Protein backbone atom coordinates (compact mmCIF):
# COMPACT_ATOMS: atom_id res chain seq x y z
CA MET A 1 0.00 0.00 -0.02
CA VAL A 2 2.85 2.44 0.83
CA ALA A 3 4.65 1.70 -2.40
CA GLU A 4 1.39 2.06 -4.36
CA TYR A 5 0.71 5.53 -3.04
CA ALA A 6 4.34 6.63 -3.18
CA ALA A 7 4.40 5.75 -6.87
CA ALA A 8 1.02 7.43 -7.48
CA PHE A 9 2.08 10.64 -5.80
CA ALA A 10 5.37 10.59 -7.69
CA ALA A 11 3.46 10.25 -10.96
CA MET A 12 1.08 12.96 -9.99
CA GLY A 13 3.98 15.28 -9.09
CA VAL A 14 5.68 14.87 -12.47
CA ALA A 15 2.30 15.10 -14.21
CA GLY A 16 1.80 18.47 -12.42
CA TRP A 17 5.02 19.77 -14.00
CA VAL A 18 3.97 18.64 -17.49
CA LEU A 19 0.54 20.21 -17.06
CA TRP A 20 2.09 23.46 -15.93
CA VAL A 21 4.47 23.61 -18.92
CA VAL A 22 1.81 22.77 -21.52
CA GLY A 23 -0.74 24.91 -19.81
CA GLN A 24 1.49 27.94 -20.02
CA ALA A 25 1.94 27.43 -23.77
CA ILE A 26 -1.76 26.95 -24.29
CA ALA A 27 -2.59 30.09 -22.23
CA ALA A 28 -0.10 32.11 -24.22
CA ARG A 29 -1.69 31.06 -27.52
CA LEU A 30 -5.35 31.65 -26.58
CA ALA A 31 -5.80 35.25 -27.67
CA TYR A 32 -3.31 35.27 -30.53
CA PRO A 33 -5.18 37.09 -33.35
CA GLY A 34 -3.92 34.95 -36.24
CA ASP A 35 -3.58 31.44 -37.59
CA ILE A 36 -1.42 29.18 -35.50
CA GLU A 37 -2.47 26.34 -37.87
CA TRP A 38 -3.56 27.18 -41.37
CA MET A 39 -7.11 25.76 -41.20
CA GLU A 40 -8.08 27.76 -38.09
CA GLY A 41 -9.25 30.77 -40.13
CA ALA A 42 -11.24 28.63 -42.55
CA THR A 43 -12.95 26.99 -39.54
CA LEU A 44 -13.89 30.41 -38.19
CA VAL A 45 -15.38 31.31 -41.56
CA SER A 46 -17.68 28.29 -41.18
CA ALA A 47 -18.62 29.48 -37.73
CA MET A 48 -19.31 32.98 -39.08
CA ARG A 49 -21.69 31.51 -41.69
CA ALA A 50 -23.44 29.53 -38.92
CA ARG A 51 -23.86 32.75 -36.93
CA ASP A 52 -25.26 34.60 -39.96
CA GLY A 53 -27.63 31.82 -40.90
CA LEU A 54 -25.82 31.01 -44.19
CA PRO A 55 -25.64 27.42 -45.51
CA LEU A 56 -22.59 25.34 -44.47
CA TYR A 57 -23.10 22.67 -47.19
CA GLY A 58 -23.79 23.42 -50.75
CA ALA A 59 -22.12 23.77 -54.12
CA PRO A 60 -18.52 25.17 -53.98
CA ALA A 61 -18.19 28.89 -54.72
CA GLY A 62 -15.39 31.45 -54.84
CA ASP A 63 -16.30 32.86 -51.41
CA TYR A 64 -16.81 29.48 -49.60
CA ILE A 65 -16.17 25.79 -50.14
CA PRO A 66 -17.63 23.55 -47.42
CA PHE A 67 -15.50 21.37 -45.09
CA ILE A 68 -15.88 17.55 -45.11
CA TYR A 69 -16.76 17.59 -41.35
CA PRO A 70 -20.16 17.63 -39.58
CA PRO A 71 -21.25 21.07 -38.26
CA LEU A 72 -21.33 20.91 -34.48
CA TYR A 73 -18.19 22.95 -33.86
CA ALA A 74 -19.32 25.66 -36.31
CA TRP A 75 -22.75 25.68 -34.75
CA ILE A 76 -21.46 26.09 -31.20
CA VAL A 77 -18.92 28.77 -32.08
CA GLY A 78 -21.42 30.48 -34.29
CA ALA A 79 -24.02 30.51 -31.48
CA LEU A 80 -21.48 31.86 -28.97
CA ALA A 81 -20.53 34.56 -31.50
CA HIS A 82 -23.97 36.16 -30.81
CA VAL A 83 -22.67 36.93 -27.33
CA PHE A 84 -18.91 37.14 -27.72
CA PRO A 85 -16.75 38.52 -30.53
CA LEU A 86 -16.13 36.00 -33.25
CA GLY A 87 -12.43 35.33 -33.49
CA TYR A 88 -9.53 33.04 -32.61
CA ALA A 89 -9.92 33.54 -28.87
CA LEU A 90 -13.52 32.33 -28.96
CA GLY A 91 -12.78 29.35 -31.22
CA ARG A 92 -9.79 28.27 -29.11
CA SER A 93 -11.74 28.72 -25.90
CA VAL A 94 -14.28 26.15 -27.05
CA SER A 95 -11.44 23.75 -27.77
CA VAL A 96 -9.71 24.41 -24.44
CA ALA A 97 -12.96 23.77 -22.55
CA SER A 98 -13.53 20.59 -24.58
CA THR A 99 -10.05 19.37 -23.68
CA LEU A 100 -10.73 19.94 -20.01
CA VAL A 101 -13.92 17.95 -20.33
CA ALA A 102 -12.05 15.12 -22.06
CA GLY A 103 -9.55 15.24 -19.17
CA GLY A 104 -12.40 14.83 -16.70
CA ALA A 105 -13.55 11.77 -18.51
CA LEU A 106 -10.00 10.38 -18.34
CA VAL A 107 -9.86 10.76 -14.56
CA PHE A 108 -13.42 9.34 -14.24
CA GLY A 109 -12.42 6.27 -16.29
CA ALA A 110 -9.25 5.75 -14.28
CA ARG A 111 -11.16 5.87 -10.98
CA ARG A 112 -13.67 3.36 -12.32
CA GLU A 113 -10.73 1.05 -13.02
CA GLY A 114 -9.68 1.21 -9.34
CA ALA A 115 -6.95 3.86 -9.52
CA SER A 116 -6.37 6.05 -6.52
CA TRP A 117 -7.01 9.81 -6.97
CA PRO A 118 -3.30 10.68 -7.40
CA LEU A 119 -2.81 7.87 -9.95
CA ALA A 120 -5.92 8.87 -11.80
CA LEU A 121 -4.93 12.53 -11.90
CA SER A 122 -1.48 11.55 -13.23
CA THR A 123 -3.14 10.31 -16.44
CA LEU A 124 -3.90 13.97 -17.18
CA GLY A 125 -0.15 14.48 -17.41
CA LEU A 126 0.12 11.73 -19.94
CA PHE A 127 -2.52 13.37 -22.09
CA ALA A 128 -0.88 16.78 -21.81
CA ALA A 129 2.41 15.18 -22.82
CA CYS A 130 0.82 14.17 -26.17
CA TRP A 131 0.01 17.78 -26.97
CA ASP A 132 2.91 18.25 -29.28
CA ASP A 133 2.52 14.71 -30.72
CA SER A 134 -0.96 15.80 -31.82
CA GLY A 135 0.35 18.83 -33.69
CA THR A 136 -0.81 20.85 -30.61
CA PHE A 137 -4.46 20.61 -31.78
CA TYR A 138 -5.95 20.46 -28.25
CA ASP A 139 -6.49 24.21 -28.23
CA LEU A 140 -6.89 25.19 -31.83
CA CYS A 141 -9.97 26.44 -33.74
CA ARG A 142 -10.68 22.90 -34.99
CA THR A 143 -13.34 20.29 -34.15
CA ASP A 144 -10.89 17.69 -32.71
CA ALA A 145 -11.11 18.60 -29.04
CA LEU A 146 -14.95 18.94 -29.07
CA SER A 147 -15.31 15.56 -30.79
CA LEU A 148 -12.93 13.99 -28.26
CA ALA A 149 -14.77 15.39 -25.26
CA LEU A 150 -18.05 13.87 -26.36
CA MET A 151 -16.43 10.60 -27.44
CA ALA A 152 -14.52 10.28 -24.20
CA TRP A 153 -17.52 10.53 -21.91
CA ALA A 154 -19.50 8.21 -24.19
CA VAL A 155 -16.80 5.60 -23.89
CA VAL A 156 -16.38 5.82 -20.05
CA LEU A 157 -20.15 5.94 -19.33
CA THR A 158 -21.31 3.09 -21.52
CA PRO A 159 -19.75 0.21 -19.46
CA LEU A 160 -21.44 1.32 -16.21
CA PRO A 161 -24.16 -1.04 -14.98
CA SER A 162 -27.00 1.53 -14.92
CA PRO A 163 -29.42 1.69 -17.93
CA ARG A 164 -29.17 5.52 -17.60
CA ALA A 165 -25.42 5.26 -18.22
CA THR A 166 -26.08 3.14 -21.38
CA ILE A 167 -28.47 5.75 -22.65
CA ALA A 168 -26.11 8.62 -21.80
CA GLY A 169 -23.24 6.86 -23.55
CA GLY A 170 -25.29 6.26 -26.67
CA VAL A 171 -26.53 9.84 -26.84
CA LEU A 172 -23.11 11.30 -26.33
CA LEU A 173 -21.72 9.07 -29.08
CA ALA A 174 -24.48 10.32 -31.41
CA VAL A 175 -23.64 13.94 -30.54
CA ALA A 176 -19.93 13.24 -31.10
CA PHE A 177 -20.80 12.03 -34.58
CA THR A 178 -22.17 15.47 -35.29
CA ALA A 179 -18.67 16.85 -34.60
CA LYS A 180 -16.53 14.31 -36.43
CA GLN A 181 -18.02 11.37 -38.31
CA HIS A 182 -15.42 8.69 -37.78
CA VAL A 183 -16.29 8.26 -34.06
CA ALA A 184 -19.42 6.38 -35.11
CA LEU A 185 -17.30 3.24 -35.59
CA LEU A 186 -16.72 3.14 -31.81
CA GLY A 187 -20.40 2.26 -31.47
CA LEU A 188 -19.56 -1.28 -32.68
CA PRO A 189 -17.34 -2.38 -29.74
CA MET A 190 -19.55 -0.48 -27.36
CA LEU A 191 -22.69 -2.28 -28.64
CA ALA A 192 -20.92 -5.64 -28.59
CA TRP A 193 -19.91 -5.15 -24.96
CA VAL A 194 -23.33 -3.97 -23.84
CA TRP A 195 -25.01 -6.95 -25.56
CA ARG A 196 -22.56 -9.47 -24.08
CA THR A 197 -22.66 -8.02 -20.60
CA HIS A 198 -26.28 -6.88 -20.16
CA GLY A 199 -28.19 -8.71 -22.83
CA ARG A 200 -30.16 -7.99 -25.93
CA GLU A 201 -32.70 -5.58 -24.36
CA ARG A 202 -29.96 -3.31 -23.03
CA ALA A 203 -28.29 -3.47 -26.49
CA LYS A 204 -31.54 -2.29 -28.05
CA LEU A 205 -31.52 0.59 -25.54
CA PHE A 206 -28.01 1.56 -26.69
CA VAL A 207 -29.05 1.44 -30.37
CA LEU A 208 -32.11 3.63 -29.67
CA ALA A 209 -29.92 6.13 -27.85
CA SER A 210 -27.14 6.28 -30.41
CA VAL A 211 -28.11 5.06 -33.89
CA VAL A 212 -31.60 6.61 -34.01
CA PRO A 213 -30.43 10.20 -33.22
CA ALA A 214 -27.57 9.85 -35.63
CA VAL A 215 -29.79 8.67 -38.43
CA LEU A 216 -32.29 11.42 -37.75
CA PHE A 217 -29.46 13.99 -37.83
CA LEU A 218 -28.26 12.63 -41.13
CA ALA A 219 -31.78 12.64 -42.57
CA GLY A 220 -32.51 16.12 -41.42
CA MET A 221 -29.23 17.58 -42.73
CA SER A 222 -29.70 15.72 -46.00
CA VAL A 223 -33.17 17.21 -46.51
CA ALA A 224 -32.02 20.68 -45.47
CA THR A 225 -29.10 20.69 -47.92
CA GLY A 226 -30.84 18.93 -50.83
CA GLY A 227 -28.62 15.90 -50.37
CA ASP A 228 -25.31 17.83 -50.50
CA PHE A 229 -24.52 17.07 -46.82
CA LEU A 230 -23.97 13.37 -47.45
CA LYS A 231 -21.85 14.18 -50.47
CA TRP A 232 -19.51 16.34 -48.31
CA LEU A 233 -19.48 13.91 -45.47
CA ILE A 234 -19.00 10.65 -47.40
CA LEU A 235 -18.39 10.98 -51.14
CA VAL A 236 -15.85 13.79 -51.10
CA PRO A 237 -13.39 12.14 -48.60
CA ALA A 238 -13.99 8.76 -50.24
CA ALA A 239 -12.34 10.04 -53.44
CA HIS A 240 -9.13 11.05 -51.64
CA GLY A 241 -7.36 7.68 -51.39
CA GLN A 242 -4.83 6.40 -48.83
CA THR A 243 -1.17 6.84 -48.24
CA LEU A 244 -0.11 3.23 -47.35
CA ALA A 245 3.03 4.03 -45.45
CA ARG A 246 1.05 6.24 -43.05
CA LEU A 247 -1.82 3.81 -42.76
CA ILE A 248 0.51 0.96 -41.68
CA PRO A 249 2.94 0.91 -39.99
CA GLY A 250 3.26 4.70 -39.75
CA ALA A 251 0.22 5.47 -37.57
CA GLN A 252 1.01 2.57 -35.18
CA ILE A 253 4.63 3.67 -34.80
CA GLU A 254 3.51 7.28 -34.10
CA VAL A 255 1.08 6.03 -31.45
CA TRP A 256 3.70 4.02 -29.74
CA ARG A 257 6.30 6.73 -29.99
CA ALA A 258 4.14 9.24 -28.21
CA MET A 259 4.26 7.10 -24.99
CA PRO A 260 6.85 4.33 -25.58
CA LEU A 261 7.37 3.41 -21.89
CA THR A 262 3.66 3.38 -21.15
CA MET A 263 2.81 1.28 -24.23
CA THR A 264 5.64 -1.16 -23.65
CA GLY A 265 4.56 -1.52 -20.00
CA VAL A 266 0.96 -2.27 -21.05
CA LEU A 267 2.10 -4.85 -23.61
CA LEU A 268 4.15 -6.59 -21.02
CA ALA A 269 1.12 -6.73 -18.77
CA ALA A 270 -0.89 -8.29 -21.56
CA THR A 271 -3.57 -9.79 -19.27
CA TRP A 272 -5.51 -6.60 -19.66
CA VAL A 273 -6.47 -7.81 -23.15
CA TRP A 274 -8.59 -10.66 -21.90
CA LYS A 275 -9.49 -9.52 -18.41
CA ARG A 276 -10.66 -6.07 -19.62
CA SER A 277 -12.09 -6.93 -22.99
CA TYR A 278 -14.07 -3.67 -23.18
CA TRP A 279 -10.95 -1.55 -23.21
CA ALA A 280 -9.28 -4.10 -25.55
CA MET A 281 -12.06 -3.56 -28.06
CA ILE A 282 -12.13 0.21 -27.61
CA ALA A 283 -8.33 0.43 -28.07
CA GLY A 284 -8.34 -1.85 -31.07
CA MET A 285 -11.20 0.01 -32.85
CA THR A 286 -9.72 3.42 -31.99
CA LEU A 287 -6.31 2.40 -33.38
CA MET A 288 -7.99 1.20 -36.53
CA ILE A 289 -9.93 4.46 -36.90
CA VAL A 290 -6.92 6.75 -36.37
CA SER A 291 -4.78 4.63 -38.68
CA ILE A 292 -7.32 4.98 -41.50
CA MET A 293 -7.57 8.72 -40.85
CA ARG A 294 -3.79 9.14 -40.76
CA GLY A 295 -3.44 7.17 -43.99
CA HIS A 296 -6.11 9.33 -45.61
CA THR A 297 -4.55 11.65 -48.21
CA GLY A 298 -3.78 14.83 -46.33
CA GLY A 299 -4.19 13.20 -42.95
CA TYR A 300 -2.19 14.94 -40.21
CA VAL A 301 -1.16 13.78 -36.71
CA ASN A 302 -4.18 15.51 -35.08
CA VAL A 303 -6.23 12.45 -36.12
CA LEU A 304 -4.26 10.38 -33.60
CA ILE A 305 -5.72 12.34 -30.62
CA PRO A 306 -8.46 9.77 -29.71
CA MET A 307 -5.84 6.96 -29.53
CA PHE A 308 -3.65 9.21 -27.35
CA TRP A 309 -6.51 9.58 -24.98
CA VAL A 310 -7.18 5.85 -24.82
CA GLU A 311 -3.46 5.15 -24.31
CA CYS A 312 -3.47 7.31 -21.20
CA LEU A 313 -5.97 4.91 -19.57
CA LEU A 314 -4.17 1.70 -20.56
CA PRO A 315 -1.60 1.62 -17.68
CA VAL A 316 -4.46 1.89 -15.16
CA VAL A 317 -6.51 -0.74 -17.05
CA ALA A 318 -3.53 -3.05 -17.14
CA ALA A 319 -2.95 -2.62 -13.34
CA SER A 320 -6.61 -3.33 -12.65
CA ALA A 321 -6.49 -6.47 -14.77
CA TRP A 322 -3.28 -7.65 -13.12
CA GLY A 323 -4.73 -6.84 -9.76
CA GLY A 324 -3.27 -5.78 -6.37
CA PRO A 325 -1.28 -2.86 -5.04
CA ARG A 326 1.96 -4.05 -6.67
CA ALA A 327 0.39 -3.72 -10.10
CA ARG A 328 -0.93 -0.25 -9.29
CA ALA A 329 2.53 0.73 -7.98
CA ALA A 330 4.07 -0.48 -11.21
CA ALA A 331 1.58 1.63 -13.21
CA GLY A 332 2.50 4.69 -11.18
CA ILE A 333 6.23 4.09 -11.72
CA VAL A 334 5.75 3.63 -15.50
CA ILE A 335 3.64 6.80 -15.75
CA ALA A 336 6.20 8.80 -13.68
CA LEU A 337 9.12 7.60 -15.82
CA GLN A 338 7.20 8.26 -19.06
CA LEU A 339 6.39 11.85 -17.93
CA ALA A 340 9.96 12.39 -16.76
CA ILE A 341 11.30 11.86 -20.27
CA TRP A 342 8.45 13.78 -21.90
CA ARG A 343 10.56 16.61 -23.35
CA LEU A 344 13.38 14.31 -24.43
CA ASP A 345 13.88 13.88 -28.15
CA THR A 346 15.24 10.33 -27.89
CA GLY A 347 16.71 10.23 -31.39
CA ARG A 348 18.57 13.40 -30.87
CA PHE A 349 19.74 12.21 -27.43
CA TRP A 350 21.29 8.98 -28.76
CA ASP A 351 22.89 10.83 -31.64
CA LYS A 352 24.67 13.09 -29.15
CA VAL A 353 25.68 10.12 -26.98
CA ARG A 354 27.06 8.27 -29.95
CA ALA A 355 28.96 11.46 -30.87
CA GLY A 356 30.83 11.11 -27.61
CA LEU A 357 29.04 13.76 -25.47
CA PRO A 358 28.54 13.12 -21.76
CA ILE A 359 25.04 11.88 -20.96
CA SER A 360 24.19 15.01 -18.95
CA THR A 361 25.16 17.22 -21.89
CA ALA A 362 23.28 15.07 -24.38
CA TRP A 363 20.21 15.10 -22.13
CA ALA A 364 20.26 18.87 -21.84
CA GLY A 365 20.75 19.37 -25.55
CA ALA A 366 17.97 17.00 -26.60
CA GLN A 367 15.03 18.72 -24.76
CA LEU A 368 11.99 19.80 -26.74
CA ASP A 369 10.63 23.25 -26.00
CA PRO A 370 6.82 23.68 -26.16
CA GLN A 371 7.32 27.39 -26.51
CA ARG A 372 8.30 26.83 -30.14
CA TYR A 373 4.57 26.49 -30.82
CA VAL A 374 3.78 29.89 -29.21
CA PRO A 375 3.72 32.99 -31.44
CA THR A 376 5.72 35.96 -30.22
CA ALA A 377 4.64 39.53 -29.52
CA GLY A 378 6.25 40.45 -32.85
CA ASP A 379 4.18 37.85 -34.60
CA GLU A 380 0.99 39.43 -33.17
CA ALA A 381 2.05 42.92 -34.28
CA ASN A 382 2.75 41.61 -37.80
CA VAL A 383 -0.66 39.94 -38.05
CA ARG A 384 -2.34 43.20 -37.16
CA LYS A 385 -0.18 45.05 -39.81
CA LEU A 386 -1.09 42.43 -42.38
CA VAL A 387 -4.82 42.84 -41.68
CA ASP A 388 -4.42 46.62 -41.98
CA GLU A 389 -2.68 46.08 -45.35
CA ILE A 390 -5.42 43.76 -46.58
CA ALA A 391 -8.00 46.34 -45.66
CA LYS A 392 -6.49 48.75 -48.24
CA LEU A 393 -6.53 46.20 -51.10
CA PRO A 394 -9.34 46.05 -53.70
CA ASP A 395 -12.25 43.83 -52.58
CA PRO A 396 -12.75 40.87 -52.84
CA VAL A 397 -9.32 39.58 -51.83
CA LEU A 398 -8.18 36.08 -52.79
CA ILE A 399 -6.46 34.74 -49.64
CA PRO A 400 -7.07 30.95 -49.59
CA HIS A 401 -4.32 30.15 -47.10
CA ALA A 402 -5.87 32.41 -44.45
CA PRO A 403 -9.39 33.38 -45.39
CA PHE A 404 -10.37 34.81 -41.94
CA TYR A 405 -7.80 37.58 -42.34
CA ALA A 406 -10.03 38.98 -45.13
CA VAL A 407 -12.96 38.95 -42.69
CA MET A 408 -10.86 40.72 -40.05
CA ALA A 409 -10.06 43.36 -42.69
CA GLY A 410 -13.73 43.92 -43.51
CA LYS A 411 -13.55 42.16 -46.83
CA ARG A 412 -15.65 39.42 -48.48
CA THR A 413 -14.63 35.88 -47.57
CA SER A 414 -12.44 33.77 -49.77
CA PHE A 415 -12.52 30.00 -50.21
CA ALA A 416 -9.97 27.97 -48.21
CA LEU A 417 -7.25 26.17 -50.19
CA ILE A 418 -7.69 22.94 -48.20
CA THR A 419 -11.33 22.71 -49.22
CA LEU A 420 -10.36 23.23 -52.83
CA TRP A 421 -7.91 20.41 -52.50
CA ASP A 422 -10.72 18.21 -51.03
CA ILE A 423 -12.82 18.52 -54.19
CA ASP A 424 -10.05 18.50 -56.82
CA HIS A 425 -9.93 14.80 -57.34
CA VAL A 426 -10.75 12.88 -60.50
CA HIS A 427 -13.68 10.97 -59.09
CA GLY A 428 -14.72 13.54 -56.57
CA ALA A 429 -18.41 14.33 -56.05
CA PHE A 430 -17.81 18.04 -56.81
CA LYS A 431 -14.99 17.70 -59.35
CA GLY A 432 -17.20 19.42 -61.92
CA ASP A 433 -17.38 22.53 -59.72
CA VAL A 434 -13.65 23.08 -59.83
CA ALA A 435 -14.07 24.88 -63.12
CA GLY A 436 -16.34 27.40 -61.37
CA ILE A 437 -13.59 28.05 -58.80
CA ASP A 438 -11.06 28.53 -61.62
CA ALA A 439 -13.44 31.11 -63.18
CA ALA A 440 -13.77 32.88 -59.82
CA ILE A 441 -9.99 33.08 -59.49
CA ALA A 442 -9.75 34.47 -62.99
CA HIS A 443 -12.64 37.00 -62.85
CA ASP A 444 -14.17 37.55 -59.40
CA PHE A 445 -11.26 38.65 -57.23
CA ARG A 446 -9.62 42.03 -57.44
CA SER A 447 -6.45 41.36 -55.41
CA ALA A 448 -4.65 38.37 -53.78
CA VAL A 449 -2.29 37.68 -50.88
CA LEU A 450 -0.42 34.40 -51.19
CA PRO A 451 2.93 32.80 -50.36
CA ASP A 452 3.79 32.40 -54.06
CA ASP A 453 2.19 31.94 -57.48
CA LYS A 454 2.03 28.14 -57.22
CA LEU A 455 -1.77 28.07 -56.46
CA GLY A 456 -2.46 26.54 -59.87
CA HIS A 457 -5.98 26.84 -61.41
CA GLY A 458 -4.69 29.48 -63.88
CA PHE A 459 -3.44 31.83 -61.19
CA ALA A 460 0.15 32.17 -62.54
CA GLU A 461 -1.14 33.06 -65.97
CA GLY A 462 -3.85 35.46 -64.85
CA TRP A 463 -2.21 37.43 -62.08
CA MET A 464 0.91 39.60 -61.67
CA LYS A 465 3.02 40.20 -58.62
CA LYS A 466 2.60 43.68 -57.22
CA GLY A 467 5.28 43.19 -54.58
CA PRO A 468 6.00 41.86 -51.13
CA ILE A 469 3.53 42.58 -48.34
CA GLY A 470 4.58 45.38 -46.09
CA ALA A 471 4.15 43.38 -42.89
CA ARG A 472 6.48 40.47 -42.20
CA ASP A 473 3.78 37.86 -41.93
CA PRO A 474 4.65 35.18 -39.35
CA SER A 475 4.64 31.54 -40.29
CA THR A 476 2.05 29.19 -38.86
CA ARG A 477 3.46 27.30 -35.83
CA THR A 478 2.12 23.85 -36.51
CA GLY A 479 0.56 21.81 -39.31
CA TRP A 480 1.34 22.68 -42.95
CA PRO A 481 3.68 25.72 -42.84
CA VAL A 482 2.24 28.90 -44.40
CA ARG A 483 3.81 32.29 -44.70
CA LEU A 484 1.98 34.86 -46.80
CA LYS A 485 4.63 36.96 -48.71
CA TYR A 486 3.27 38.70 -51.79
CA VAL A 487 0.39 40.87 -53.02
CA TYR A 488 -0.91 40.06 -56.53
CA LEU A 489 -3.23 41.90 -58.92
CA PRO A 490 -5.08 40.62 -61.97
CA ASN A 491 -3.25 40.95 -65.26
CA PRO A 492 -4.64 43.83 -67.36
CA GLU A 493 -6.99 42.34 -69.99
């Protein structure tokens, strides 16, 4: 008992340090008035349309091309924008709140598996330690954190014995589906477990609580959009294809690399697989989901977040399966050690050791700094200068890499480049509409702000470079790197 609590408090202590470091970085980014990741602004444009009652799903146009995600995040941010100013701080606040809710589910799940309070709280440190492995998407203007919060509580409530918990788990899974569609697949292991544990009638209850609301949502959205919603949700991403190396073994290696000590410890305590079959099924299905999403053309590491969350519970699940205070002490030790090496770039560390440097020097020189994801005061000043410069350009402004900057400058919206990429596939559902976007680029816009003239779609032939932007636009801090550099004007006809 003493060893168990000593290990748990040690893990909680190191977790506190990780949470403090990551929390500082997140707090410093919250009110930054520009794109930390290049799709943030496009997401805010969707929220603005939701606020203004404009359609989110329809035919592509020069001022807006829909996303391939369900609308819940845009709806929530758009609704809040009736009370608070619409901007990056509002969008990120929703994601931060969602991440905290997901953390609450993590602690709840750990306690249900028999972990002491300090051991359960230490799992929050594990999740914080995956912030940079996720591309730092926990606090961005993206739907990932909101989807995770709903998914997490659905997963931890469903195995409880109460019928009310079954209903709550099913409803939350259905709501999570309205934030990000791939979570629906988790309903399969959840349903299998409910059926096996509580019988067919309880399984029917879960289906009524999860599948029925999801189907009604799909039907309602399909009718409201004239069938376009299902095209954006299913047919458009289906045309993208897979990158095999990321599908397998890339995603699995990335998942293991995020928490190597934790995952190795869990695999050594393999009895959790058969003694805690619910979590085995959840982990297996989640790994399959994130692998498919990572392999998806354009898939980024943010899609791994649900598996990171599940991984944080596995040491506690393994200890519960193994049974006894010694197993819980071992879980605490593994978590503490994993958190202690959180900022260590192991590849860089061993390179320095092999180069003959002392271990202490190699350790100090191989530390990752979360502050590299935090924009500076100079970045903030340059974003404001850039917006002022955009305000002086002829309207509408083509700025597909950062469309919300046009909104901040009082201009008409521009489509987002990522959404144009989504539809520009040979067998895509909206491939025929790409010609309309090309026409808009050629004739509708009166000025453009881009990194270079490599946009394609006739841009290089139809536009001329006016010169560099006056502000030194900062690069995005995560995701696909974007730095706006030049102002363009249409070629004289």
